Amino acid sequence: MARPKKRRCCRRYNADRVFKPRGIPMGELESKVLSLDQFEALRLCDMDRLDQEEAGQLMGVSRGTIQRLLYSARQQLVEAIISNNAIIVNLKESEACDAGMHSSQRKGRGRRAGK
C-alpha cells in the first residue's frame, strides 16, 4: 500500500487557469493538465526565484518533491506548447492553504494574537 500523499501548501486561486493557443477553439484542442502543486512549484522556483529547498519549506514538502514537481510540470508545458495543446491548471487536485507562511505560522504557533 502506498504512503498517503503529504499535504502541499499552495497559493489560493479563485478558478482554474486555462491557457490555449490563440485562434483555435477550445473544443478542438487537446489539453495538458498541471496540478496546483506543480503550478506552485513553478511559481516559487521560476517566478519568485527561490531555490528548491526554500520552495519545499514553503510548500511543506522535501526538496526532492519540488524537483520532481518541476521536472513533470516543465515537461508538460513544453509538450503542450510544441503540440498546440491547451494548458489547464487544475485547482481541484491539491488542497490550497496559505503558501508563503512558514508551517509553524499556518498552525498558529509563534504568532501573536491580533496579527
N, C-alpha and C. Protein backbone atom coordinates (compact mmCIF):
# COMPACT_ATOMS: atom_id res chain seq x y z
N MET A 1 0.84 -1.18 0.00
CA MET A 1 0.00 0.00 0.00
C MET A 1 0.89 1.25 0.00
N ALA A 2 0.56 2.19 -0.85
CA ALA A 2 1.35 3.42 -0.97
C ALA A 2 1.12 4.33 0.23
N ARG A 3 2.14 5.10 0.53
CA ARG A 3 2.05 6.07 1.61
C ARG A 3 1.10 7.18 1.20
N PRO A 4 0.28 7.72 2.11
CA PRO A 4 -0.63 8.81 1.74
C PRO A 4 0.14 10.05 1.29
N LYS A 5 -0.44 10.79 0.35
CA LYS A 5 0.20 12.00 -0.18
C LYS A 5 0.23 13.08 0.89
N LYS A 6 1.40 13.66 1.08
CA LYS A 6 1.58 14.72 2.07
C LYS A 6 0.86 15.99 1.61
N ARG A 7 0.27 16.70 2.53
CA ARG A 7 -0.41 17.96 2.20
C ARG A 7 0.61 18.97 1.69
N ARG A 8 0.29 19.61 0.57
CA ARG A 8 1.19 20.58 -0.05
C ARG A 8 0.51 21.94 -0.03
N CYS A 9 1.16 22.91 0.54
CA CYS A 9 0.59 24.24 0.66
C CYS A 9 0.84 25.06 -0.59
N CYS A 10 -0.23 25.57 -1.16
CA CYS A 10 -0.16 26.34 -2.40
C CYS A 10 -1.01 27.60 -2.26
N ARG A 11 -0.69 28.59 -3.06
CA ARG A 11 -1.46 29.83 -3.09
C ARG A 11 -2.89 29.54 -3.55
N ARG A 12 -3.84 30.26 -2.99
CA ARG A 12 -5.24 30.09 -3.38
C ARG A 12 -5.55 30.85 -4.67
N TYR A 13 -6.32 30.22 -5.53
CA TYR A 13 -6.81 30.86 -6.76
C TYR A 13 -8.32 30.65 -6.81
N ASN A 14 -9.03 31.60 -7.41
CA ASN A 14 -10.49 31.53 -7.44
C ASN A 14 -11.03 30.56 -8.47
N ALA A 15 -10.31 30.32 -9.54
CA ALA A 15 -10.81 29.46 -10.61
C ALA A 15 -9.64 28.78 -11.30
N ASP A 16 -9.95 27.70 -12.04
CA ASP A 16 -8.93 27.04 -12.82
C ASP A 16 -8.30 28.02 -13.79
N ARG A 17 -7.04 27.84 -14.07
CA ARG A 17 -6.32 28.66 -15.04
C ARG A 17 -6.24 27.86 -16.33
N VAL A 18 -6.63 28.46 -17.45
CA VAL A 18 -6.58 27.80 -18.75
C VAL A 18 -5.82 28.69 -19.71
N PHE A 19 -4.82 28.12 -20.39
CA PHE A 19 -4.03 28.84 -21.38
C PHE A 19 -4.09 28.02 -22.66
N LYS A 20 -4.38 28.68 -23.78
CA LYS A 20 -4.53 27.95 -25.03
C LYS A 20 -3.95 28.77 -26.18
N PRO A 21 -3.63 28.09 -27.28
CA PRO A 21 -3.16 28.82 -28.44
C PRO A 21 -4.26 29.74 -28.98
N ARG A 22 -3.87 30.89 -29.45
CA ARG A 22 -4.82 31.85 -29.99
C ARG A 22 -5.36 31.34 -31.33
N GLY A 23 -6.64 31.58 -31.57
CA GLY A 23 -7.25 31.29 -32.86
C GLY A 23 -7.76 29.87 -33.02
N ILE A 24 -7.60 29.03 -32.01
CA ILE A 24 -8.11 27.65 -32.09
C ILE A 24 -9.16 27.49 -30.99
N PRO A 25 -10.40 27.13 -31.35
CA PRO A 25 -11.44 26.95 -30.32
C PRO A 25 -11.04 25.86 -29.32
N MET A 26 -11.40 26.06 -28.08
CA MET A 26 -11.04 25.13 -27.01
C MET A 26 -11.54 23.72 -27.30
N GLY A 27 -12.69 23.60 -27.92
CA GLY A 27 -13.26 22.29 -28.24
C GLY A 27 -12.43 21.49 -29.23
N GLU A 28 -11.57 22.15 -29.97
CA GLU A 28 -10.73 21.48 -30.97
C GLU A 28 -9.34 21.15 -30.44
N LEU A 29 -9.07 21.50 -29.20
CA LEU A 29 -7.74 21.31 -28.64
C LEU A 29 -7.68 20.13 -27.68
N GLU A 30 -6.55 19.44 -27.69
CA GLU A 30 -6.25 18.52 -26.60
C GLU A 30 -5.68 19.36 -25.47
N SER A 31 -5.67 18.82 -24.28
CA SER A 31 -5.16 19.64 -23.17
C SER A 31 -4.21 18.84 -22.30
N LYS A 32 -3.30 19.56 -21.68
CA LYS A 32 -2.39 19.03 -20.67
C LYS A 32 -2.82 19.65 -19.34
N VAL A 33 -2.89 18.83 -18.32
CA VAL A 33 -3.35 19.32 -17.02
C VAL A 33 -2.17 19.38 -16.06
N LEU A 34 -1.96 20.57 -15.48
CA LEU A 34 -0.98 20.75 -14.42
C LEU A 34 -1.73 20.76 -13.09
N SER A 35 -1.22 20.06 -12.12
CA SER A 35 -1.84 20.12 -10.80
C SER A 35 -1.44 21.44 -10.13
N LEU A 36 -2.18 21.82 -9.13
CA LEU A 36 -1.88 23.06 -8.42
C LEU A 36 -0.49 23.02 -7.79
N ASP A 37 -0.08 21.86 -7.28
CA ASP A 37 1.24 21.80 -6.67
C ASP A 37 2.36 21.93 -7.71
N GLN A 38 2.15 21.43 -8.92
CA GLN A 38 3.13 21.64 -9.99
C GLN A 38 3.21 23.13 -10.33
N PHE A 39 2.07 23.77 -10.46
CA PHE A 39 1.99 25.19 -10.79
C PHE A 39 2.66 26.03 -9.70
N GLU A 40 2.42 25.68 -8.45
CA GLU A 40 3.00 26.41 -7.33
C GLU A 40 4.52 26.25 -7.29
N ALA A 41 5.01 25.05 -7.56
CA ALA A 41 6.46 24.83 -7.60
C ALA A 41 7.09 25.68 -8.71
N LEU A 42 6.46 25.75 -9.87
CA LEU A 42 6.95 26.60 -10.96
C LEU A 42 6.96 28.07 -10.54
N ARG A 43 5.88 28.51 -9.90
CA ARG A 43 5.80 29.90 -9.48
C ARG A 43 6.90 30.25 -8.48
N LEU A 44 7.08 29.40 -7.49
CA LEU A 44 8.07 29.69 -6.45
C LEU A 44 9.51 29.66 -7.00
N CYS A 45 9.82 28.66 -7.81
CA CYS A 45 11.21 28.50 -8.28
C CYS A 45 11.53 29.36 -9.49
N ASP A 46 10.61 29.48 -10.44
CA ASP A 46 10.90 30.19 -11.67
C ASP A 46 10.51 31.67 -11.63
N MET A 47 9.41 32.00 -11.02
CA MET A 47 8.99 33.39 -10.97
C MET A 47 9.56 34.11 -9.74
N ASP A 48 9.40 33.50 -8.57
CA ASP A 48 9.89 34.12 -7.33
C ASP A 48 11.38 33.86 -7.10
N ARG A 49 12.00 33.04 -7.95
CA ARG A 49 13.44 32.76 -7.93
C ARG A 49 13.94 32.16 -6.61
N LEU A 50 13.09 31.37 -5.95
CA LEU A 50 13.53 30.67 -4.74
C LEU A 50 14.26 29.40 -5.15
N ASP A 51 15.20 28.95 -4.31
CA ASP A 51 15.81 27.67 -4.63
C ASP A 51 14.85 26.56 -4.19
N GLN A 52 15.15 25.34 -4.60
CA GLN A 52 14.23 24.23 -4.35
C GLN A 52 14.04 23.96 -2.86
N GLU A 53 15.06 24.17 -2.07
CA GLU A 53 14.95 23.97 -0.63
C GLU A 53 13.96 24.95 -0.01
N GLU A 54 14.08 26.23 -0.38
CA GLU A 54 13.16 27.25 0.14
C GLU A 54 11.73 26.99 -0.32
N ALA A 55 11.56 26.63 -1.58
CA ALA A 55 10.22 26.34 -2.10
C ALA A 55 9.62 25.14 -1.37
N GLY A 56 10.43 24.14 -1.10
CA GLY A 56 9.96 22.97 -0.36
C GLY A 56 9.50 23.33 1.04
N GLN A 57 10.24 24.22 1.71
CA GLN A 57 9.84 24.65 3.04
C GLN A 57 8.51 25.38 3.01
N LEU A 58 8.32 26.25 2.02
CA LEU A 58 7.06 26.99 1.93
C LEU A 58 5.87 26.08 1.62
N MET A 59 6.11 25.06 0.79
CA MET A 59 5.03 24.14 0.43
C MET A 59 4.86 23.00 1.42
N GLY A 60 5.82 22.84 2.33
CA GLY A 60 5.72 21.78 3.33
C GLY A 60 6.12 20.42 2.79
N VAL A 61 7.01 20.38 1.78
CA VAL A 61 7.47 19.13 1.20
C VAL A 61 9.00 19.17 1.08
N SER A 62 9.58 18.06 0.69
CA SER A 62 11.03 17.98 0.58
C SER A 62 11.54 18.63 -0.70
N ARG A 63 12.84 18.88 -0.74
CA ARG A 63 13.46 19.43 -1.94
C ARG A 63 13.31 18.46 -3.11
N GLY A 64 13.42 17.17 -2.84
CA GLY A 64 13.26 16.16 -3.88
C GLY A 64 11.87 16.18 -4.50
N THR A 65 10.86 16.41 -3.68
CA THR A 65 9.49 16.51 -4.19
C THR A 65 9.36 17.72 -5.10
N ILE A 66 9.94 18.85 -4.69
CA ILE A 66 9.91 20.05 -5.54
C ILE A 66 10.59 19.76 -6.87
N GLN A 67 11.72 19.08 -6.82
CA GLN A 67 12.45 18.75 -8.04
C GLN A 67 11.59 17.91 -8.98
N ARG A 68 10.89 16.91 -8.44
CA ARG A 68 10.02 16.07 -9.26
C ARG A 68 8.84 16.86 -9.82
N LEU A 69 8.26 17.75 -9.00
CA LEU A 69 7.16 18.59 -9.48
C LEU A 69 7.61 19.50 -10.63
N LEU A 70 8.78 20.11 -10.47
CA LEU A 70 9.30 20.99 -11.52
C LEU A 70 9.57 20.22 -12.81
N TYR A 71 10.18 19.05 -12.69
CA TYR A 71 10.50 18.25 -13.87
C TYR A 71 9.23 17.89 -14.64
N SER A 72 8.23 17.38 -13.92
CA SER A 72 7.00 16.95 -14.61
C SER A 72 6.22 18.15 -15.16
N ALA A 73 6.19 19.26 -14.43
CA ALA A 73 5.46 20.44 -14.91
C ALA A 73 6.12 21.03 -16.15
N ARG A 74 7.44 21.15 -16.13
CA ARG A 74 8.14 21.71 -17.29
C ARG A 74 7.98 20.81 -18.50
N GLN A 75 8.02 19.50 -18.29
CA GLN A 75 7.84 18.56 -19.40
C GLN A 75 6.45 18.73 -20.02
N GLN A 76 5.42 18.83 -19.18
CA GLN A 76 4.06 19.01 -19.68
C GLN A 76 3.90 20.35 -20.41
N LEU A 77 4.49 21.42 -19.87
CA LEU A 77 4.40 22.73 -20.52
C LEU A 77 5.04 22.72 -21.90
N VAL A 78 6.22 22.15 -22.01
CA VAL A 78 6.91 22.12 -23.30
C VAL A 78 6.13 21.27 -24.30
N GLU A 79 5.64 20.11 -23.87
CA GLU A 79 4.84 19.27 -24.76
C GLU A 79 3.59 20.00 -25.23
N ALA A 80 2.93 20.72 -24.33
CA ALA A 80 1.72 21.46 -24.70
C ALA A 80 2.02 22.56 -25.70
N ILE A 81 3.09 23.29 -25.49
CA ILE A 81 3.44 24.39 -26.39
C ILE A 81 3.81 23.85 -27.76
N ILE A 82 4.62 22.81 -27.80
CA ILE A 82 5.05 22.25 -29.08
C ILE A 82 3.88 21.63 -29.84
N SER A 83 2.96 21.00 -29.14
CA SER A 83 1.84 20.29 -29.77
C SER A 83 0.59 21.14 -29.93
N ASN A 84 0.65 22.43 -29.62
CA ASN A 84 -0.53 23.31 -29.67
C ASN A 84 -1.67 22.77 -28.82
N ASN A 85 -1.37 22.39 -27.59
CA ASN A 85 -2.39 21.93 -26.66
C ASN A 85 -2.73 23.04 -25.67
N ALA A 86 -3.92 22.94 -25.10
CA ALA A 86 -4.29 23.86 -24.02
C ALA A 86 -3.60 23.38 -22.74
N ILE A 87 -3.34 24.31 -21.84
CA ILE A 87 -2.75 24.00 -20.54
C ILE A 87 -3.78 24.39 -19.49
N ILE A 88 -4.16 23.42 -18.68
CA ILE A 88 -5.15 23.66 -17.63
C ILE A 88 -4.49 23.44 -16.28
N VAL A 89 -4.56 24.44 -15.41
CA VAL A 89 -4.07 24.28 -14.05
C VAL A 89 -5.26 23.86 -13.22
N ASN A 90 -5.25 22.62 -12.78
CA ASN A 90 -6.38 22.03 -12.07
C ASN A 90 -6.26 22.32 -10.59
N LEU A 91 -7.13 23.17 -10.10
CA LEU A 91 -7.09 23.57 -8.69
C LEU A 91 -7.74 22.55 -7.78
N LYS A 92 -8.44 21.59 -8.33
CA LYS A 92 -9.18 20.64 -7.50
C LYS A 92 -8.32 19.47 -7.04
N GLU A 93 -7.15 19.24 -7.66
CA GLU A 93 -6.33 18.09 -7.30
C GLU A 93 -5.56 18.29 -6.01
N SER A 94 -5.23 19.51 -5.66
CA SER A 94 -4.43 19.77 -4.47
C SER A 94 -5.16 20.73 -3.56
N GLU A 95 -4.91 20.60 -2.30
CA GLU A 95 -5.54 21.48 -1.32
C GLU A 95 -4.72 22.75 -1.18
N ALA A 96 -5.36 23.88 -1.36
CA ALA A 96 -4.67 25.16 -1.21
C ALA A 96 -4.67 25.55 0.26
N CYS A 97 -3.60 26.13 0.68
CA CYS A 97 -3.54 26.75 2.01
C CYS A 97 -2.73 28.02 1.83
N ASP A 98 -2.39 28.67 2.86
CA ASP A 98 -1.70 29.96 2.75
C ASP A 98 -0.21 29.75 2.53
N ALA A 99 0.19 29.53 1.28
CA ALA A 99 1.61 29.39 0.95
C ALA A 99 2.28 30.74 1.19
N GLY A 100 3.51 30.69 1.53
CA GLY A 100 4.23 31.93 1.82
C GLY A 100 4.41 32.11 3.31
N MET A 101 3.64 31.39 4.10
CA MET A 101 3.83 31.44 5.54
C MET A 101 4.52 30.16 5.96
N HIS A 102 5.39 30.25 6.91
CA HIS A 102 6.07 29.08 7.42
C HIS A 102 5.06 28.15 8.08
N SER A 103 5.31 26.86 8.06
CA SER A 103 4.35 25.89 8.58
C SER A 103 3.99 26.16 10.04
N SER A 104 4.92 26.66 10.85
CA SER A 104 4.59 26.93 12.24
C SER A 104 3.61 28.10 12.34
N GLN A 105 3.67 29.05 11.40
CA GLN A 105 2.73 30.16 11.40
C GLN A 105 1.34 29.71 10.94
N ARG A 106 1.29 28.77 9.98
CA ARG A 106 -0.01 28.29 9.50
C ARG A 106 -0.77 27.60 10.61
N LYS A 107 -0.06 26.96 11.53
CA LYS A 107 -0.70 26.22 12.60
C LYS A 107 -0.99 27.10 13.80
N GLY A 108 -0.59 28.37 13.73
CA GLY A 108 -0.90 29.29 14.81
C GLY A 108 0.18 29.41 15.86
N ARG A 109 1.26 28.62 15.75
CA ARG A 109 2.33 28.70 16.73
C ARG A 109 3.27 29.83 16.34
N GLY A 110 3.79 30.49 17.30
CA GLY A 110 4.78 31.53 17.04
C GLY A 110 4.19 32.85 16.53
N ARG A 111 2.89 33.00 16.59
CA ARG A 111 2.25 34.24 16.13
C ARG A 111 1.61 34.93 17.31
N ARG A 112 1.66 36.23 17.29
CA ARG A 112 0.99 36.99 18.35
C ARG A 112 -0.47 37.17 17.98
N ALA A 113 -1.31 37.18 18.97
CA ALA A 113 -2.74 37.41 18.73
C ALA A 113 -2.94 38.78 18.13
N GLY A 114 -3.88 38.88 17.21
CA GLY A 114 -4.20 40.15 16.60
C GLY A 114 -3.42 40.44 15.33
N LYS A 115 -2.53 39.55 14.97
CA LYS A 115 -1.77 39.76 13.73
C LYS A 115 -2.29 38.91 12.63
